[in-house]
Amino acid sequence: MARDKSWQELPGTNAVDGRSPPRNHIHLRDSAGTETAANFPSYEDRLLARENVRLHLNTRWALNGPLESSISIASDYFIIHNKVLQPYFQGPRNCSESAWHPLSQSPLSGPKVSSLQLGVEPLDEWDTNWMENHDCHTDPDGTYDPAEVLYGPLPDANEYEKQDEDHHLLLCCGEKRPWGRSTPLIKIEATTEDFVTIHDFISVAHPFLMSKRNEILQAMGEDPGRFNRPFSPETKLMVDWREPRMVDVMDEAEWLMARSAFKVKRAVVGAQNSFYTGSM
C-alpha cells in the first residue's frame, strides 16, 4: 500500500509537561505516524523534552588498539563469547560495499537524533573520586611540604567555589588534583544521514577514547569501586555502552563480571515476573 505523502506538523507543546519543543527543529509526521524531520532534535533536546532515547546496538568494544580490530556486534547485551559475535570491520570490499558491518549505517538510537555530546564516566568522576581519597589526609590550616601538599584557589572556579578562596586542595601525596580534566565536550553529529548513525558515533568515539586512554587508566585508579587498582598501561580495557551519550570504561575482568551480574539479575527478575503473573 502506497504511503500517503501528506505531512502534518506535530502539536506545538510537549505531551509530558506542556513545554514547546526546542526551536530550530521542525518535527513532522506523515499520515502513518512516522517521524521525519527537516533536522532531527539533538539527544540533549530530546532529554529536555523528557523523551526516552534508547541505544540500538550491543557491542563487545575493546579499548586497546585501532578501531578495525576493536569492536564486534552482539545480538544481546549479555552475550560475551567470541563464537556468537560478528566483527564490526568486515574487511576490504568492492567499491559499492562498505568495509563496515551493515548495522554501521543504522540509527544510533530510537528515536533518531541529529547530534549528541559524549561523556566518559571515569573522566567525569575523576576529580570527585580523587577528593574522596585525599581530602581527609590534610587540613587547610596545617603546614606541609609544598611538594607534597598544596592549597590554593581553583582555576576557573565558580562563585560558590571562590568562597573558600585559598582553601582548595590542589596537591596531595605529591599528586596533582585532576581539576578540570573531565570529559571535554565532544560533539558527534550526523554526517551521511539526517540522523547520527552507529558509525558516526563509533568513528569519533573510539579514536577519542584511545587518545584519552592513559588519563582514563589514571581516573579508574582513583575510583574506590574498582577491584583491580592500580591499573598498568598494559591493562586490557573494555567500553561499556548502555546509553547513547555516556560510556564507561572497565578492565576486562570487571567488564565480564558486570555482564554476568546483569544476566543473573535479568533471569531473577524474569522469574519473579513469571511468578506474580502466574505463568510459571
Protein backbone atom coordinates (compact mmCIF):
# COMPACT_ATOMS: atom_id res chain seq x y z
CA MET A 1 0.00 0.00 0.00
CA ALA A 2 1.45 3.34 -1.02
CA ARG A 3 2.13 5.71 1.85
CA ASP A 4 0.21 8.97 1.92
CA LYS A 5 2.79 11.72 1.42
CA SER A 6 0.74 14.46 3.06
CA TRP A 7 2.51 15.91 6.09
CA GLN A 8 1.23 17.09 9.45
CA GLU A 9 3.17 19.28 11.86
CA LEU A 10 3.27 17.87 15.37
CA PRO A 11 1.43 19.75 18.12
CA GLY A 12 3.33 22.75 19.42
CA THR A 13 3.70 21.55 23.01
CA ASN A 14 5.23 18.54 24.66
CA ALA A 15 2.69 15.97 25.83
CA VAL A 16 4.55 15.38 29.09
CA ASP A 17 4.99 18.86 30.52
CA GLY A 18 3.34 21.26 28.07
CA ARG A 19 6.58 22.94 27.02
CA SER A 20 7.25 23.94 23.44
CA PRO A 21 9.66 21.72 21.53
CA PRO A 22 13.19 23.12 21.04
CA ARG A 23 13.46 25.75 18.36
CA ASN A 24 15.32 25.22 15.08
CA HIS A 25 13.92 21.70 14.80
CA ILE A 26 10.79 21.04 12.73
CA HIS A 27 9.10 17.86 13.91
CA LEU A 28 6.87 16.25 11.31
CA ARG A 29 4.88 13.05 10.95
CA ASP A 30 3.39 11.53 7.87
CA SER A 31 -0.16 10.15 7.95
CA ALA A 32 1.23 6.75 9.01
CA GLY A 33 2.63 8.37 12.16
CA THR A 34 6.32 8.06 11.22
CA GLU A 35 8.54 10.91 12.35
CA THR A 36 10.60 12.71 9.76
CA ALA A 37 12.44 15.98 10.14
CA ALA A 38 14.00 18.95 8.46
CA ASN A 39 16.55 18.32 11.19
CA PHE A 40 16.08 15.75 13.96
CA PRO A 41 16.44 17.08 17.51
CA SER A 42 19.72 16.60 19.31
CA TYR A 43 19.96 13.97 22.03
CA GLU A 44 20.07 16.74 24.63
CA ASP A 45 16.90 18.33 23.24
CA ARG A 46 15.09 15.01 23.36
CA LEU A 47 16.10 14.61 27.02
CA LEU A 48 14.81 18.12 27.79
CA ALA A 49 11.53 17.06 26.20
CA ARG A 50 11.58 14.01 28.53
CA GLU A 51 11.73 11.53 25.70
CA ASN A 52 13.10 8.05 26.30
CA VAL A 53 16.07 7.63 23.94
CA ARG A 54 17.30 4.04 23.58
CA LEU A 55 20.55 2.72 22.18
CA HIS A 56 20.20 0.46 19.14
CA LEU A 57 23.35 -1.63 19.36
CA ASN A 58 25.06 -4.23 21.53
CA THR A 59 28.83 -4.36 21.23
CA ARG A 60 31.92 -6.05 22.54
CA TRP A 61 34.14 -2.97 22.42
CA ALA A 62 37.81 -3.22 23.38
CA LEU A 63 39.93 -0.11 24.00
CA ASN A 64 43.37 -1.50 23.26
CA GLY A 65 44.05 -0.76 19.60
CA PRO A 66 42.70 0.52 16.29
CA LEU A 67 39.00 0.59 15.51
CA GLU A 68 39.29 -2.12 12.85
CA SER A 69 40.20 -4.77 15.44
CA SER A 70 38.35 -3.46 18.49
CA ILE A 71 34.59 -3.89 18.05
CA SER A 72 32.27 -6.83 17.48
CA ILE A 73 28.49 -6.85 17.17
CA ALA A 74 26.37 -8.97 19.53
CA SER A 75 22.69 -9.82 19.28
CA ASP A 76 22.23 -9.32 23.02
CA TYR A 77 23.82 -7.12 25.70
CA PHE A 78 24.68 -10.18 27.79
CA ILE A 79 26.36 -12.27 25.08
CA ILE A 80 30.12 -12.10 25.60
CA HIS A 81 31.63 -15.12 23.86
CA ASN A 82 33.51 -14.65 20.59
CA LYS A 83 31.72 -17.50 18.82
CA VAL A 84 28.44 -15.54 18.70
CA LEU A 85 29.93 -12.17 17.66
CA GLN A 86 30.26 -10.55 14.24
CA PRO A 87 33.24 -8.26 13.50
CA TYR A 88 32.32 -4.61 13.04
CA PHE A 89 35.08 -4.20 10.46
CA GLN A 90 34.25 -6.52 7.57
CA GLY A 91 37.50 -6.10 5.67
CA PRO A 92 38.21 -4.68 2.21
CA ARG A 93 35.17 -4.72 -0.11
CA ASN A 94 34.48 -3.65 -3.65
CA CYS A 95 33.65 -0.01 -4.37
CA SER A 96 29.90 -0.49 -3.91
CA GLU A 97 30.12 -2.10 -0.45
CA SER A 98 31.14 -0.67 2.90
CA ALA A 99 34.05 -2.17 4.80
CA TRP A 100 31.95 -1.91 7.96
CA HIS A 101 29.16 -4.07 9.35
CA PRO A 102 25.76 -3.43 7.69
CA LEU A 103 24.48 -2.03 11.00
CA SER A 104 27.02 0.78 10.79
CA GLN A 105 24.58 2.99 8.86
CA SER A 106 21.66 2.24 11.16
CA PRO A 107 20.39 4.92 13.56
CA LEU A 108 22.40 5.13 16.76
CA SER A 109 19.24 5.49 18.81
CA GLY A 110 15.49 5.37 18.81
CA PRO A 111 14.12 7.93 18.32
CA LYS A 112 16.75 9.36 15.98
CA VAL A 113 18.97 12.30 16.95
CA SER A 114 20.93 14.83 14.90
CA SER A 115 23.81 15.14 17.38
CA LEU A 116 24.95 14.34 20.91
CA GLN A 117 27.78 15.17 23.29
CA LEU A 118 29.93 12.31 24.53
CA GLY A 119 30.62 11.71 28.20
CA VAL A 120 33.17 9.28 29.67
CA GLU A 121 32.26 8.12 33.17
CA PRO A 122 35.77 7.61 34.64
CA LEU A 123 36.91 11.06 33.47
CA ASP A 124 33.74 12.77 34.68
CA GLU A 125 34.14 11.19 38.14
CA TRP A 126 37.92 11.61 38.36
CA ASP A 127 38.06 14.80 40.44
CA THR A 128 35.29 13.66 42.80
CA ASN A 129 37.00 10.32 43.46
CA TRP A 130 40.41 11.97 43.93
CA MET A 131 38.97 14.33 46.53
CA GLU A 132 37.29 11.45 48.38
CA ASN A 133 40.64 9.65 48.53
CA HIS A 134 42.74 12.65 49.63
CA ASP A 135 40.52 15.18 51.39
CA CYS A 136 40.91 13.51 54.78
CA HIS A 137 44.73 13.42 54.58
CA THR A 138 45.35 17.07 55.38
CA ASP A 139 43.99 20.26 56.93
CA PRO A 140 43.83 23.62 55.13
CA ASP A 141 45.33 25.32 58.21
CA GLY A 142 48.22 22.86 58.51
CA THR A 143 51.83 23.34 57.43
CA TYR A 144 53.16 20.94 54.79
CA ASP A 145 55.95 20.43 52.31
CA PRO A 146 54.60 22.25 49.19
CA ALA A 147 56.00 19.43 47.05
CA GLU A 148 53.62 17.04 48.84
CA VAL A 149 50.59 19.13 49.84
CA LEU A 150 49.35 22.41 48.41
CA TYR A 151 46.23 24.51 48.94
CA GLY A 152 45.12 27.44 46.81
CA PRO A 153 42.40 28.90 44.58
CA LEU A 154 40.85 26.72 41.91
CA PRO A 155 41.33 27.88 38.32
CA ASP A 156 38.04 28.64 36.57
CA ALA A 157 36.15 28.29 39.86
CA ASN A 158 32.50 29.29 40.02
CA GLU A 159 31.17 31.80 42.55
CA TYR A 160 30.39 29.11 45.12
CA GLU A 161 33.86 27.57 44.85
CA LYS A 162 35.51 31.01 45.14
CA GLN A 163 34.04 31.40 48.62
CA ASP A 164 36.72 29.08 50.03
CA GLU A 165 39.45 31.26 48.49
CA ASP A 166 42.80 29.55 49.10
CA HIS A 167 41.41 26.54 50.98
CA HIS A 168 41.06 24.22 47.98
CA LEU A 169 43.28 21.14 47.97
CA LEU A 170 45.39 21.24 44.79
CA LEU A 171 48.14 18.72 45.57
CA CYS A 172 48.24 15.77 47.97
CA CYS A 173 50.70 12.89 48.44
CA GLY A 174 52.69 14.57 45.68
CA GLU A 175 49.77 14.06 43.24
CA LYS A 176 48.23 16.97 41.40
CA ARG A 177 44.45 17.19 41.72
CA PRO A 178 42.76 16.35 38.38
CA TRP A 179 40.65 19.52 38.48
CA GLY A 180 39.17 20.37 35.09
CA ARG A 181 40.10 17.04 33.50
CA SER A 182 36.58 15.73 32.99
CA THR A 183 35.37 14.82 29.50
CA PRO A 184 35.67 17.76 27.11
CA LEU A 185 32.51 18.46 25.17
CA ILE A 186 32.99 16.30 22.08
CA LYS A 187 30.03 16.80 19.79
CA ILE A 188 29.13 13.92 17.49
CA GLU A 189 27.00 14.94 14.53
CA ALA A 190 25.19 13.26 11.66
CA THR A 191 27.35 13.00 8.54
CA THR A 192 25.86 10.71 5.90
CA GLU A 193 22.20 10.80 7.01
CA ASP A 194 19.82 13.25 8.69
CA PHE A 195 20.47 11.38 11.95
CA VAL A 196 23.50 10.12 13.85
CA THR A 197 24.37 6.63 12.69
CA ILE A 198 26.18 3.95 14.63
CA HIS A 199 29.31 4.62 12.58
CA ASP A 200 29.06 8.38 13.12
CA PHE A 201 29.35 7.65 16.82
CA ILE A 202 31.93 4.88 16.80
CA SER A 203 34.24 6.55 14.26
CA VAL A 204 34.52 9.61 16.53
CA ALA A 205 34.26 7.98 19.95
CA HIS A 206 36.89 5.24 19.53
CA PRO A 207 39.80 7.49 18.43
CA PHE A 208 38.86 9.98 21.13
CA LEU A 209 38.81 7.30 23.84
CA MET A 210 42.13 5.91 22.63
CA SER A 211 43.66 9.40 22.83
CA LYS A 212 42.48 9.58 26.47
CA ARG A 213 43.44 6.01 27.38
CA ASN A 214 46.23 6.91 29.82
CA GLU A 215 44.06 9.50 31.54
CA ILE A 216 41.19 7.00 31.77
CA LEU A 217 43.52 4.50 33.46
CA GLN A 218 44.60 7.16 35.96
CA ALA A 219 40.98 8.11 36.63
CA MET A 220 39.97 4.46 37.12
CA GLY A 221 42.82 4.15 39.62
CA GLU A 222 41.16 6.79 41.83
CA ASP A 223 37.79 5.04 41.82
CA PRO A 224 37.34 3.10 45.10
CA GLY A 225 34.73 0.92 43.43
CA ARG A 226 37.23 -0.63 41.04
CA PHE A 227 38.52 -4.07 42.03
CA ASN A 228 41.93 -4.27 40.39
CA ARG A 229 43.56 -0.94 41.24
CA PRO A 230 46.10 0.33 40.35
CA PHE A 231 45.99 -0.23 36.61
CA SER A 232 49.09 -0.68 34.48
CA PRO A 233 49.39 0.82 30.97
CA GLU A 234 49.03 -2.73 29.59
CA THR A 235 45.61 -3.26 31.23
CA LYS A 236 43.07 -4.64 28.77
CA LEU A 237 40.18 -2.19 28.71
CA MET A 238 36.59 -2.61 27.59
CA VAL A 239 33.97 0.04 26.81
CA ASP A 240 30.61 -0.46 28.50
CA TRP A 241 28.00 1.30 26.37
CA ARG A 242 24.40 1.25 27.56
CA GLU A 243 23.13 4.73 26.71
CA PRO A 244 23.85 6.94 23.70
CA ARG A 245 25.77 9.80 25.30
CA MET A 246 27.72 8.13 28.14
CA VAL A 247 30.27 5.34 28.06
CA ASP A 248 32.01 3.65 30.96
CA VAL A 249 35.42 2.00 30.68
CA MET A 250 36.38 -1.09 32.68
CA ASP A 251 39.21 -3.56 32.81
CA GLU A 252 38.31 -6.81 31.08
CA ALA A 253 37.72 -8.78 34.30
CA GLU A 254 35.30 -6.16 35.65
CA TRP A 255 33.52 -5.99 32.29
CA LEU A 256 32.98 -9.77 32.24
CA MET A 257 31.79 -9.69 35.85
CA ALA A 258 29.33 -6.89 35.08
CA ARG A 259 27.88 -8.80 32.12
CA SER A 260 27.44 -11.92 34.25
CA ALA A 261 25.82 -9.98 37.09
CA PHE A 262 23.32 -8.31 34.76
CA LYS A 263 22.49 -11.65 33.17
CA VAL A 264 21.75 -13.19 36.58
CA LYS A 265 19.70 -10.13 37.60
CA ARG A 266 17.64 -10.34 34.41
CA ALA A 267 16.96 -14.04 34.99
CA VAL A 268 15.86 -13.36 38.60
CA VAL A 269 13.57 -10.50 37.57
CA GLY A 270 12.10 -12.65 34.79
CA ALA A 271 11.39 -15.48 37.24
CA GLN A 272 9.76 -13.07 39.70
CA ASN A 273 7.57 -11.59 36.98
CA SER A 274 6.53 -15.08 35.87
CA PHE A 275 5.66 -16.00 39.46
CA TYR A 276 3.50 -12.92 40.05
CA THR A 277 1.72 -13.23 36.73
CA GLY A 278 1.10 -16.94 37.28
CA SER A 279 2.91 -18.01 34.11
CA MET A 280 5.40 -20.34 35.79
